[in-house]
Protein backbone atom coordinates (compact mmCIF):
# COMPACT_ATOMS: atom_id res chain seq x y z
CA MET A 1 44.54 -165.85 34.57
CA VAL A 2 47.42 -168.23 35.02
CA THR A 3 46.61 -170.58 37.46
CA VAL A 4 49.38 -171.74 40.08
CA LEU A 5 49.22 -175.83 38.57
CA ASP A 6 50.83 -176.99 35.56
CA SER A 7 49.17 -179.21 33.06
CA ALA A 8 50.02 -182.31 34.89
CA ALA A 9 48.63 -180.72 38.15
CA ARG A 10 51.59 -180.40 39.74
CA PRO A 11 52.47 -177.29 42.02
CA ARG A 12 53.67 -174.89 40.11
CA HIS A 13 54.59 -172.43 42.96
CA PRO A 14 54.53 -174.68 45.85
CA GLU A 15 56.31 -171.95 48.25
CA LYS A 16 53.01 -169.54 47.28
CA ALA A 17 50.25 -172.08 48.19
CA HIS A 18 50.23 -170.57 51.86
CA ARG A 19 49.54 -167.39 50.61
CA PRO A 20 46.33 -165.46 50.78
CA ASP A 21 44.59 -164.70 47.24
CA THR A 22 44.59 -161.06 46.05
CA PRO A 23 42.66 -159.30 44.24
CA VAL A 24 43.16 -159.56 40.19
CA LEU A 25 42.79 -155.96 38.57
CA ARG A 26 40.28 -156.02 35.22
CA LYS A 27 42.89 -155.08 32.47
CA PRO A 28 42.12 -151.63 30.75
CA ASP A 29 41.51 -151.67 26.67
CA TRP A 30 45.02 -150.79 26.50
CA ILE A 31 46.43 -153.93 27.91
CA ARG A 32 44.34 -156.44 26.16
CA VAL A 33 45.56 -158.54 22.86
CA LYS A 34 44.70 -161.22 20.73
CA ALA A 35 44.83 -164.71 21.19
CA PRO A 36 47.06 -166.57 19.40
CA GLY A 37 46.25 -169.20 16.56
CA SER A 38 47.51 -168.19 13.40
CA PRO A 39 48.61 -171.03 11.01
CA VAL A 40 52.75 -169.40 11.16
CA TYR A 41 52.34 -169.45 15.21
CA ASN A 42 51.62 -173.31 14.87
CA GLU A 43 54.23 -173.52 12.55
CA THR A 44 56.37 -172.06 15.51
CA ARG A 45 54.77 -174.38 18.40
CA LYS A 46 55.92 -177.56 16.75
CA ILE A 47 59.37 -176.03 15.89
CA VAL A 48 60.06 -175.43 19.61
CA ARG A 49 58.29 -179.09 20.33
CA ASP A 50 60.16 -180.92 17.73
CA ASN A 51 63.52 -179.42 19.23
CA GLY A 52 62.39 -180.13 22.54
CA LEU A 53 62.76 -176.77 23.89
CA VAL A 54 61.15 -174.33 26.21
CA THR A 55 60.50 -170.72 25.90
CA VAL A 56 59.81 -168.33 28.35
CA CYS A 57 57.19 -166.96 26.14
CA GLU A 58 55.05 -170.08 27.31
CA GLU A 59 56.58 -170.35 30.85
CA ALA A 60 56.13 -166.98 31.90
CA GLY A 61 52.58 -166.40 30.00
CA CYS A 62 53.77 -163.54 27.61
CA PRO A 63 51.23 -161.19 26.49
CA ASN A 64 52.88 -160.93 23.15
CA ILE A 65 53.33 -164.93 22.12
CA GLY A 66 50.66 -164.44 19.53
CA GLU A 67 52.33 -161.46 17.34
CA CYS A 68 55.75 -162.84 18.27
CA TRP A 69 54.89 -166.49 17.34
CA SER A 70 53.23 -165.54 14.42
CA LYS A 71 56.32 -163.58 12.99
CA ARG A 72 58.36 -166.72 13.89
CA HIS A 73 60.11 -164.94 16.99
CA ALA A 74 60.74 -167.58 20.07
CA THR A 75 62.71 -166.40 22.52
CA PHE A 76 64.36 -169.75 24.09
CA MET A 77 64.78 -170.55 27.54
CA ILE A 78 67.88 -172.67 28.32
CA MET A 79 68.51 -174.91 31.41
CA GLY A 80 65.02 -176.46 32.17
CA ASP A 81 62.02 -175.00 33.00
CA THR A 82 62.47 -175.24 36.65
CA CYS A 83 63.75 -172.17 38.52
CA THR A 84 65.68 -172.15 41.86
CA ARG A 85 64.39 -168.52 42.96
CA ALA A 86 60.81 -167.92 43.81
CA CYS A 87 60.33 -164.16 42.65
CA ALA A 88 57.10 -162.82 43.62
CA PHE A 89 56.30 -161.36 39.79
CA CYS A 90 57.13 -164.86 37.83
CA ASN A 91 55.22 -166.98 36.74
CA VAL A 92 58.39 -169.33 35.88
CA ARG A 93 57.84 -172.59 37.71
CA THR A 94 59.99 -172.85 41.06
CA GLY A 95 61.70 -176.27 42.45
CA LEU A 96 64.56 -178.65 42.19
CA PRO A 97 65.74 -178.26 38.50
CA GLU A 98 66.85 -181.49 36.57
CA ALA A 99 70.57 -181.96 35.16
CA LEU A 100 71.65 -179.71 32.48
CA ASP A 101 70.70 -180.97 28.72
CA GLY A 102 74.10 -181.56 26.99
CA GLY A 103 72.58 -181.50 23.73
CA GLU A 104 70.56 -178.58 24.27
CA PRO A 105 73.02 -176.06 22.73
CA GLU A 106 72.57 -177.72 19.53
CA LYS A 107 68.88 -178.29 19.66
CA VAL A 108 68.60 -175.00 20.20
CA ALA A 109 70.61 -173.74 17.27
CA SER A 110 68.65 -176.03 14.98
CA ALA A 111 65.61 -174.32 16.03
CA VAL A 112 66.97 -171.18 15.42
CA ALA A 113 68.20 -172.14 11.77
CA GLN A 114 64.82 -173.84 11.15
CA LEU A 115 62.97 -170.48 12.14
CA LYS A 116 65.32 -168.35 9.86
CA LEU A 117 65.86 -165.90 12.80
CA ASN A 118 68.23 -162.88 12.05
CA HIS A 119 68.44 -162.10 15.80
CA VAL A 120 67.57 -164.66 18.57
CA VAL A 121 67.21 -163.90 22.33
CA ILE A 122 68.18 -166.38 24.71
CA THR A 123 67.17 -166.26 28.15
CA SER A 124 67.35 -169.11 31.09
CA VAL A 125 65.86 -169.76 34.59
CA ASP A 126 68.16 -169.04 37.99
CA ARG A 127 70.30 -172.40 38.17
CA ASP A 128 71.88 -171.13 41.77
CA ASP A 129 72.56 -175.17 42.30
CA LEU A 130 75.15 -174.63 39.74
CA ALA A 131 78.74 -173.66 40.64
CA ASP A 132 78.64 -171.41 37.50
CA GLY A 133 74.99 -170.60 37.22
CA GLY A 134 75.03 -171.74 33.85
CA ALA A 135 77.34 -169.28 32.20
CA ARG A 136 79.23 -171.86 30.58
CA HIS A 137 75.61 -173.53 29.21
CA PHE A 138 75.21 -169.97 28.02
CA ALA A 139 78.49 -169.67 26.16
CA GLU A 140 77.85 -173.18 24.43
CA VAL A 141 74.55 -172.00 23.33
CA ILE A 142 75.98 -169.02 21.67
CA GLY A 143 78.95 -170.99 20.25
CA SER A 144 76.66 -173.49 18.67
CA ILE A 145 74.16 -171.08 17.01
CA ARG A 146 77.62 -169.05 15.26
CA ALA A 147 78.70 -172.24 13.80
CA ARG A 148 75.23 -173.22 12.41
CA THR A 149 73.78 -169.66 11.35
CA PRO A 150 76.95 -167.48 11.59
CA GLN A 151 74.66 -164.42 10.57
CA THR A 152 72.40 -164.52 13.36
CA THR A 153 72.77 -162.10 15.98
CA ILE A 154 72.54 -163.18 19.83
CA GLU A 155 71.02 -161.05 22.48
CA VAL A 156 71.09 -162.57 26.12
CA LEU A 157 69.24 -162.27 29.14
CA THR A 158 71.08 -163.69 32.02
CA PRO A 159 70.24 -164.04 35.54
CA ASP A 160 72.42 -162.64 38.18
CA PHE A 161 74.80 -165.48 39.27
CA LEU A 162 75.15 -164.23 42.24
CA ARG A 163 77.99 -165.69 44.43
CA LYS A 164 79.46 -166.95 41.07
CA ASP A 165 82.86 -165.63 40.13
CA GLY A 166 83.70 -165.65 36.62
CA ALA A 167 80.28 -166.46 35.27
CA VAL A 168 79.98 -163.10 33.82
CA GLU A 169 83.35 -163.45 32.35
CA THR A 170 82.45 -166.39 30.78
CA VAL A 171 78.93 -165.23 29.09
CA VAL A 172 81.04 -161.75 27.96
CA ALA A 173 84.02 -163.96 26.53
CA ALA A 174 81.65 -165.65 24.46
CA LYS A 175 80.53 -162.31 22.57
CA PRO A 176 76.76 -162.17 22.40
CA ASP A 177 75.52 -159.03 20.49
CA VAL A 178 73.93 -157.73 23.18
CA PHE A 179 74.18 -158.61 27.07
CA ASN A 180 70.40 -157.89 29.38
CA HIS A 181 69.95 -158.71 32.60
CA ASN A 182 66.83 -157.14 34.51
CA LEU A 183 66.92 -155.16 37.32
CA GLU A 184 62.92 -155.26 37.29
CA THR A 185 61.74 -153.10 39.76
CA VAL A 186 63.28 -150.60 42.16
CA PRO A 187 65.20 -151.33 45.22
CA GLY A 188 62.85 -150.30 47.94
CA LEU A 189 60.83 -153.32 46.54
CA TYR A 190 63.33 -155.98 46.38
CA LEU A 191 62.25 -157.69 49.58
CA SER A 192 58.63 -158.25 48.53
CA VAL A 193 59.27 -158.78 44.73
CA ARG A 194 62.74 -160.21 43.94
CA PRO A 195 63.45 -161.49 47.63
CA GLY A 196 66.67 -163.57 46.16
CA ALA A 197 68.14 -160.78 44.17
CA ARG A 198 70.37 -158.13 45.55
CA TYR A 199 69.78 -154.67 43.73
CA PHE A 200 73.35 -153.34 43.62
CA HIS A 201 74.84 -156.83 42.68
CA SER A 202 72.56 -156.59 39.38
CA LEU A 203 73.55 -153.22 38.79
CA ARG A 204 77.41 -154.44 39.58
CA LEU A 205 76.66 -157.27 36.78
CA LEU A 206 75.98 -154.57 34.19
CA GLN A 207 78.60 -152.22 34.71
CA LYS A 208 81.28 -155.32 34.71
CA VAL A 209 79.82 -155.97 31.40
CA LYS A 210 80.63 -152.95 30.15
CA GLU A 211 84.27 -153.14 31.87
CA LEU A 212 84.91 -156.18 30.21
CA ASP A 213 83.79 -155.19 26.91
CA ALA A 214 83.28 -152.00 26.40
CA ALA A 215 81.79 -152.31 22.95
CA MET A 216 78.96 -154.81 24.03
CA PHE A 217 75.30 -153.26 23.88
CA THR A 218 73.96 -153.51 27.43
CA LYS A 219 70.06 -153.70 28.03
CA SER A 220 68.05 -154.03 31.32
CA GLY A 221 64.34 -153.67 32.11
CA MET A 222 61.71 -153.03 34.76
CA MET A 223 58.09 -153.53 35.36
CA VAL A 224 56.02 -150.91 36.80
CA GLY A 225 52.77 -151.04 38.62
CA LEU A 226 54.02 -152.99 41.45
CA GLY A 227 53.38 -149.97 43.78
CA GLU A 228 56.80 -147.83 43.02
CA THR A 229 56.65 -144.17 42.59
CA ARG A 230 57.84 -142.00 39.72
CA GLU A 231 60.92 -140.62 41.46
CA GLN A 232 62.05 -144.22 42.14
CA VAL A 233 61.48 -145.15 38.44
CA LEU A 234 64.13 -142.02 37.49
CA GLN A 235 66.42 -142.69 40.01
CA VAL A 236 66.63 -146.15 38.49
CA MET A 237 67.33 -144.72 35.18
CA ASP A 238 70.40 -142.75 36.90
CA ASP A 239 71.93 -145.83 38.18
CA MET A 240 71.72 -147.71 34.88
CA ARG A 241 72.98 -144.69 33.10
CA ALA A 242 75.78 -144.93 35.99
CA ALA A 243 76.17 -148.16 34.79
CA SER A 244 76.67 -147.21 30.83
CA VAL A 245 73.43 -149.25 30.14
CA ASP A 246 72.61 -148.68 26.47
CA PHE A 247 68.72 -149.79 26.02
CA LEU A 248 66.16 -149.59 29.10
CA THR A 249 62.78 -151.34 28.69
CA ILE A 250 59.83 -150.84 30.55
CA GLY A 251 56.24 -152.48 30.82
CA GLN A 252 53.49 -153.04 32.89
CA TYR A 253 53.71 -155.76 35.58
CA LEU A 254 50.69 -158.10 35.14
CA GLN A 255 50.03 -160.46 37.82
CA PRO A 256 49.94 -164.28 36.52
CA SER A 257 47.73 -165.80 39.78
CA ARG A 258 46.37 -164.59 42.89
CA LYS A 259 49.23 -165.73 44.47
CA HIS A 260 51.57 -163.39 43.00
CA HIS A 261 52.04 -160.20 44.00
CA PRO A 262 49.08 -157.95 43.33
CA ILE A 263 49.23 -155.23 40.73
CA ASP A 264 49.15 -151.85 42.32
CA ARG A 265 47.73 -149.71 39.48
CA PHE A 266 47.78 -149.81 35.80
CA VAL A 267 50.02 -147.16 34.48
CA THR A 268 49.03 -145.60 31.30
CA PRO A 269 50.16 -145.02 28.11
CA GLU A 270 50.86 -141.32 28.25
CA GLU A 271 52.91 -142.16 31.81
CA PHE A 272 55.02 -144.46 29.60
CA LYS A 273 55.44 -142.08 27.21
CA SER A 274 56.92 -139.99 29.42
CA TYR A 275 59.20 -142.45 30.97
CA GLU A 276 60.35 -142.83 27.44
CA THR A 277 60.64 -139.01 27.02
CA ILE A 278 62.82 -138.72 30.22
CA ALA A 279 65.22 -141.84 29.30
CA TYR A 280 66.16 -140.46 26.42
CA SER A 281 67.15 -137.05 28.20
CA LYS A 282 69.22 -139.30 30.29
CA GLY A 283 71.43 -140.54 27.69
CA PHE A 284 69.89 -143.98 26.69
CA LEU A 285 70.81 -145.07 23.02
CA LEU A 286 67.28 -146.89 22.74
CA VAL A 287 64.39 -146.78 25.13
CA SER A 288 61.27 -149.09 24.91
CA SER A 289 58.15 -147.77 27.01
CA SER A 290 54.91 -149.15 27.06
CA PRO A 291 52.31 -151.44 28.69
CA LEU A 292 53.27 -154.40 26.60
CA THR A 293 56.80 -153.61 26.03
CA ARG A 294 58.90 -156.88 27.26
CA SER A 295 62.53 -157.57 27.39
CA SER A 296 62.54 -159.77 24.43
CA HIS A 297 59.58 -158.43 22.28
CA HIS A 298 60.60 -156.86 18.97
CA ALA A 299 64.26 -157.51 20.18
CA GLY A 300 65.33 -157.93 16.59
CA ASP A 301 64.17 -155.09 15.17
CA ASP A 302 65.23 -153.03 18.18
CA PHE A 303 68.75 -154.51 17.68
CA GLN A 304 68.96 -152.53 14.52
CA ARG A 305 67.77 -149.25 16.15
CA LEU A 306 70.50 -149.74 18.61
CA ARG A 307 73.43 -149.93 16.49
CA ALA A 308 71.95 -147.44 14.20
CA ALA A 309 71.84 -144.89 17.30
CA ARG A 310 75.42 -145.99 18.53
CA LEU A 311 76.36 -145.05 14.91
CA ALA A 312 74.72 -141.77 14.96
CA LYS A 313 75.93 -140.82 18.62
CA LEU A 314 79.71 -141.87 16.79
CA GLY A 315 79.28 -139.55 13.90
CA SER A 316 77.84 -136.29 15.66
């Protein structure tokens, strides 16, 4: 289990320190993964370190890091390791971020080239302290990757850019291949799970991407096991489809520490499969629904499937 202190014994989540400890449920067999440590995993870690980069794989405590890094697939988290939000589910450090690193776009591009990535996912912390929420920085990272490895397809997983006029337009104009923004949970749980965000703002962001560029793939994801009902999950699916979202991901919430939002229950693999079947019936081009599904897990393979699904639909 991840603690609320980082390696330097600094508070990682000072806003959660006063909260009472909550029980952490024992993981069922279907949620267990192997510990990382293969030679390729270590090579990936060295490339990340040598370029002075941050990954969401590490900062969010992703259970798939061993598998992904053993395939040289790292998801880069730009604009630092400190988030201005304090979501109850997230393990990323919260606090006052440092100034942007102007050299970061080139560092990311260098790492992408070294890892020989055909597809890369770029995400970030929330930067409410910046006038554009970091949209221009996203665009610069996209531009640097395009210049260094033009064959690499690019997926962005952005924050909500709440109250940042023009931010979405800036990122869309940079032409990522996939624009992802996660709704994370059902609207009824936003106040307790994602208090700094607004459900309908996030939904509107996804809709706006399609209005700006109808050909751009959009993607969104949610966690289950937080206390939502099946009916609420199905309503989120309908809301996403109303916003023309192409790709839906659904995964099990895993509690980072006793100070984070507790797990309500572990959703069974059979339930995840049922969600997948229903989501396809609602018109999503692609659905990934499993206990270990995460936004960037198998993102490269999924992008190829996404393109194929669109072509098949256009040809039907």
